[in-house]
Amino acid sequence: MRMRKKKHLEERISGVGDNLLVLESEDRNFNTAIQKKEYIDFEKIFGNKKPLYLEIGCGKGRFAVTYAKNHPDINLIAVEKESNVIVTACELAKKENVKNVVFIKVSAEYLPKYLMPDSISGIFLNHSCPFPKKKYASHRLTSENFLNIYKVLLKNGAEIHQKTDNMHFFEFSLEEFSRCGFALKNVSLDVHKTDFEESDENIITEYESRFMSLGQPIYRLEAYIKE
């Protein structure tokens, strides 16, 4: 179902221009579009050479803004394809005066067009859409197509951290990571029954709060490319 356009969306987007990059490729076929590189100069955008981290599907921005605020020694790229959603994330970053996060409106398939290989120190996948129907499995952010993209973007030793409330999606992710040459660690079938719950790294997203209130377990894993 298509999301209803927010009122005054264009004005709100123009008001967060310093925090937002809108990337629109003329080529709507991402397989051919990514062949023509348009790498973004993040050193120029952030004004420094701090390590780059990437959140794909940032939603309303609670994780991105909190993580960036808690880690001033890194820069965070937060990706979201829905204008209605990403504008709220940008407004939150502006309100909190967080300078080491930039938001990009783009579909994840196009990331290799704009992000340089071996440039990302870590990826976060927080409550990605599970696309429950099997025919849409290739759209899941832990499907083979996306994992191959991450392999290109990630630095040696970098990790992918995933959280989800969907058991079937988590099982799918475990299988895909293993099949595509990733090793797994800190796999949890209910992260809030582990020591990680008390960690500063355990940032509760809007989505997660909703499912926690229903008593639903939150699944988590950390994946890295085998040497």
Protein backbone atom coordinates (compact mmCIF):
# COMPACT_ATOMS: atom_id res chain seq x y z
CA MET A 1 0.00 0.00 0.00
CA ARG A 2 1.39 3.39 -0.99
CA MET A 3 2.10 5.76 1.89
CA ARG A 4 0.02 8.94 1.88
CA LYS A 5 2.10 12.03 1.18
CA LYS A 6 2.67 14.19 4.25
CA LYS A 7 1.37 17.74 4.28
CA HIS A 8 3.93 20.41 3.35
CA LEU A 9 6.44 17.68 2.48
CA GLU A 10 8.36 19.77 -0.05
CA GLU A 11 8.73 22.65 2.41
CA ARG A 12 9.90 20.28 5.14
CA ILE A 13 12.44 18.68 2.84
CA SER A 14 13.82 22.07 1.79
CA GLY A 15 14.17 22.91 5.48
CA VAL A 16 16.56 20.01 6.12
CA GLY A 17 18.66 20.41 3.00
CA ASP A 18 21.94 20.41 4.94
CA ASN A 19 21.19 16.92 6.27
CA LEU A 20 19.69 15.30 3.19
CA LEU A 21 20.95 14.08 -0.17
CA VAL A 22 18.29 13.04 -2.67
CA LEU A 23 19.78 10.72 -5.28
CA GLU A 24 17.74 10.04 -8.41
CA SER A 25 19.32 8.05 -11.22
CA GLU A 26 18.04 8.67 -14.72
CA ASP A 27 18.50 4.97 -15.40
CA ARG A 28 15.68 3.14 -13.61
CA ASN A 29 17.42 -0.21 -14.13
CA PHE A 30 19.81 -0.37 -11.19
CA ASN A 31 21.86 -3.16 -12.81
CA THR A 32 22.97 -0.80 -15.55
CA ALA A 33 22.75 2.39 -13.47
CA ILE A 34 25.41 1.25 -11.01
CA GLN A 35 27.89 0.81 -13.86
CA LYS A 36 28.17 4.60 -14.14
CA LYS A 37 29.80 5.66 -10.88
CA GLU A 38 28.99 8.95 -9.15
CA TYR A 39 30.89 8.51 -5.91
CA ILE A 40 30.00 10.91 -3.11
CA ASP A 41 32.88 12.76 -1.43
CA PHE A 42 32.00 12.12 2.21
CA GLU A 43 35.25 13.66 3.44
CA LYS A 44 34.04 16.92 1.92
CA ILE A 45 30.52 16.53 3.33
CA PHE A 46 31.63 15.73 6.87
CA GLY A 47 34.82 17.77 6.78
CA ASN A 48 36.94 14.93 8.16
CA LYS A 49 38.23 11.41 7.51
CA LYS A 50 36.47 9.59 10.35
CA PRO A 51 35.27 6.00 9.69
CA LEU A 52 32.03 5.72 7.74
CA TYR A 53 29.16 3.58 9.01
CA LEU A 54 25.96 2.86 7.13
CA GLU A 55 22.38 2.26 8.26
CA ILE A 56 20.07 0.97 5.53
CA GLY A 57 16.39 1.61 6.14
CA CYS A 58 16.77 4.25 8.85
CA GLY A 59 13.04 4.93 9.27
CA LYS A 60 12.33 7.96 11.42
CA GLY A 61 15.95 8.19 12.48
CA ARG A 62 16.00 7.30 16.15
CA PHE A 63 18.82 4.77 15.78
CA ALA A 64 20.86 6.90 13.38
CA VAL A 65 20.67 10.07 15.44
CA THR A 66 21.30 8.31 18.77
CA TYR A 67 24.18 6.22 17.45
CA ALA A 68 25.85 9.22 15.82
CA LYS A 69 25.44 11.25 18.99
CA ASN A 70 26.92 8.44 21.10
CA HIS A 71 29.85 7.97 18.70
CA PRO A 72 31.32 11.37 17.77
CA ASP A 73 34.42 9.55 16.49
CA ILE A 74 32.54 8.16 13.45
CA ASN A 75 30.37 9.44 10.61
CA LEU A 76 27.05 7.77 9.84
CA ILE A 77 25.27 7.53 6.48
CA ALA A 78 21.57 6.79 6.97
CA VAL A 79 19.65 5.52 3.94
CA GLU A 80 15.88 5.53 3.44
CA LYS A 81 13.92 5.45 0.19
CA GLU A 82 10.66 7.04 1.41
CA SER A 83 10.52 10.85 1.45
CA ASN A 84 7.65 10.78 3.94
CA VAL A 85 9.84 8.93 6.42
CA ILE A 86 13.32 10.33 5.88
CA VAL A 87 12.17 13.92 6.36
CA THR A 88 11.25 13.08 9.96
CA ALA A 89 14.72 11.57 10.51
CA CYS A 90 16.39 14.68 9.11
CA GLU A 91 14.28 16.93 11.34
CA LEU A 92 15.28 14.87 14.38
CA ALA A 93 18.99 15.21 13.56
CA LYS A 94 18.55 18.95 13.09
CA LYS A 95 16.66 19.28 16.37
CA GLU A 96 19.34 17.31 18.25
CA ASN A 97 22.11 19.25 16.44
CA VAL A 98 23.88 16.04 15.40
CA LYS A 99 26.48 16.88 12.76
CA ASN A 100 28.06 13.48 12.08
CA VAL A 101 25.07 11.94 10.33
CA VAL A 102 23.88 12.52 6.79
CA PHE A 103 20.68 11.11 5.31
CA ILE A 104 20.40 9.81 1.76
CA LYS A 105 17.13 9.20 -0.02
CA VAL A 106 17.88 6.32 -2.36
CA SER A 107 17.01 2.66 -2.83
CA ALA A 108 19.70 0.33 -1.48
CA GLU A 109 20.19 -1.30 -4.88
CA TYR A 110 21.84 1.91 -6.10
CA LEU A 111 24.39 2.22 -3.29
CA PRO A 112 27.33 0.86 -5.36
CA LYS A 113 26.80 3.78 -7.73
CA TYR A 114 27.40 6.35 -5.00
CA LEU A 115 29.53 4.65 -2.31
CA MET A 116 33.13 3.66 -2.95
CA PRO A 117 34.27 0.05 -2.53
CA ASP A 118 35.99 -0.79 0.77
CA SER A 119 34.75 2.45 2.33
CA ILE A 120 32.27 1.30 5.02
CA SER A 121 33.35 0.26 8.52
CA GLY A 122 30.01 -1.28 9.51
CA ILE A 123 26.41 -1.72 8.39
CA PHE A 124 23.24 -1.64 10.49
CA LEU A 125 19.99 -3.30 9.39
CA ASN A 126 17.32 -2.43 11.95
CA HIS A 127 13.88 -3.98 11.51
CA SER A 128 14.05 -4.09 7.73
CA CYS A 129 10.87 -4.95 5.84
CA PRO A 130 10.64 -8.78 5.92
CA PHE A 131 8.79 -9.10 2.60
CA PRO A 132 7.04 -12.22 3.91
CA LYS A 133 5.87 -13.58 0.54
CA LYS A 134 8.45 -15.91 -1.02
CA LYS A 135 8.15 -14.27 -4.44
CA TYR A 136 9.52 -11.06 -2.91
CA ALA A 137 12.46 -12.72 -1.14
CA SER A 138 14.98 -10.96 -3.39
CA HIS A 139 13.81 -7.62 -1.95
CA ARG A 140 14.88 -8.57 1.58
CA LEU A 141 17.94 -6.61 2.67
CA THR A 142 19.71 -9.84 3.65
CA SER A 143 19.09 -11.61 0.34
CA GLU A 144 22.06 -12.68 -1.76
CA ASN A 145 21.80 -9.68 -4.09
CA PHE A 146 22.19 -7.23 -1.22
CA LEU A 147 24.84 -9.26 0.61
CA ASN A 148 26.96 -9.11 -2.54
CA ILE A 149 26.60 -5.31 -2.50
CA TYR A 150 27.69 -5.17 1.14
CA LYS A 151 30.74 -7.32 0.37
CA VAL A 152 31.92 -4.67 -2.08
CA LEU A 153 31.28 -1.73 0.25
CA LEU A 154 32.66 -3.14 3.51
CA LYS A 155 36.22 -2.72 4.69
CA ASN A 156 38.15 -5.82 5.78
CA GLY A 157 36.92 -6.98 9.17
CA ALA A 158 33.80 -4.79 9.11
CA GLU A 159 30.55 -6.21 10.48
CA ILE A 160 26.86 -6.18 9.68
CA HIS A 161 24.54 -5.91 12.69
CA GLN A 162 20.93 -6.96 12.13
CA LYS A 163 17.88 -6.67 14.36
CA THR A 164 14.40 -7.87 13.48
CA ASP A 165 11.13 -8.76 15.16
CA ASN A 166 10.28 -11.31 12.44
CA MET A 167 11.35 -14.90 13.19
CA HIS A 168 10.98 -16.15 9.61
CA PHE A 169 12.98 -13.24 8.23
CA PHE A 170 15.67 -13.91 10.84
CA GLU A 171 15.86 -17.59 9.87
CA PHE A 172 16.12 -16.55 6.22
CA SER A 173 18.91 -14.12 7.11
CA LEU A 174 20.89 -16.75 9.00
CA GLU A 175 20.76 -19.03 5.99
CA GLU A 176 21.66 -16.31 3.48
CA PHE A 177 24.60 -14.97 5.49
CA SER A 178 26.03 -18.47 5.90
CA ARG A 179 25.44 -19.41 2.26
CA CYS A 180 27.10 -16.22 1.03
CA GLY A 181 30.34 -16.70 2.95
CA PHE A 182 29.67 -14.71 6.12
CA ALA A 183 30.52 -15.93 9.61
CA LEU A 184 28.08 -15.24 12.43
CA LYS A 185 28.52 -14.32 16.08
CA ASN A 186 26.41 -13.05 18.98
CA VAL A 187 23.27 -14.61 17.52
CA SER A 188 20.33 -14.00 19.83
CA LEU A 189 16.75 -15.24 19.70
CA ASP A 190 15.71 -12.54 22.19
CA VAL A 191 18.22 -9.76 22.59
CA HIS A 192 16.42 -8.36 25.63
CA LYS A 193 17.24 -11.50 27.57
CA THR A 194 20.98 -11.04 27.03
CA ASP A 195 23.69 -8.77 28.42
CA PHE A 196 23.44 -6.71 25.23
CA GLU A 197 20.20 -5.22 26.56
CA GLU A 198 22.22 -3.10 29.01
CA SER A 199 24.77 -2.04 26.41
CA ASP A 200 24.98 1.52 25.10
CA GLU A 201 24.90 -0.09 21.65
CA ASN A 202 21.36 -1.35 22.24
CA ILE A 203 19.40 1.53 20.79
CA ILE A 204 15.65 0.90 20.79
CA THR A 205 14.04 2.00 17.52
CA GLU A 206 10.45 3.15 17.10
CA TYR A 207 9.55 -0.20 15.58
CA GLU A 208 11.27 -2.14 18.33
CA SER A 209 9.42 -0.27 21.08
CA ARG A 210 6.12 -1.27 19.52
CA PHE A 211 6.92 -4.97 19.39
CA MET A 212 8.53 -5.00 22.84
CA SER A 213 5.27 -3.65 24.26
CA LEU A 214 3.54 -6.69 22.77
CA GLY A 215 6.00 -9.05 24.47
CA GLN A 216 7.50 -10.09 21.14
CA PRO A 217 11.15 -11.26 21.05
CA ILE A 218 13.73 -9.23 19.15
CA TYR A 219 16.25 -11.24 17.14
CA ARG A 220 19.80 -10.05 16.55
CA LEU A 221 23.00 -11.17 14.86
CA GLU A 222 26.41 -9.92 13.88
CA ALA A 223 27.92 -11.06 10.58
CA TYR A 224 31.36 -10.61 9.04
CA ILE A 225 33.11 -11.90 5.94
CA LYS A 226 35.25 -14.96 6.57
CA GLU A 227 38.97 -14.39 6.06
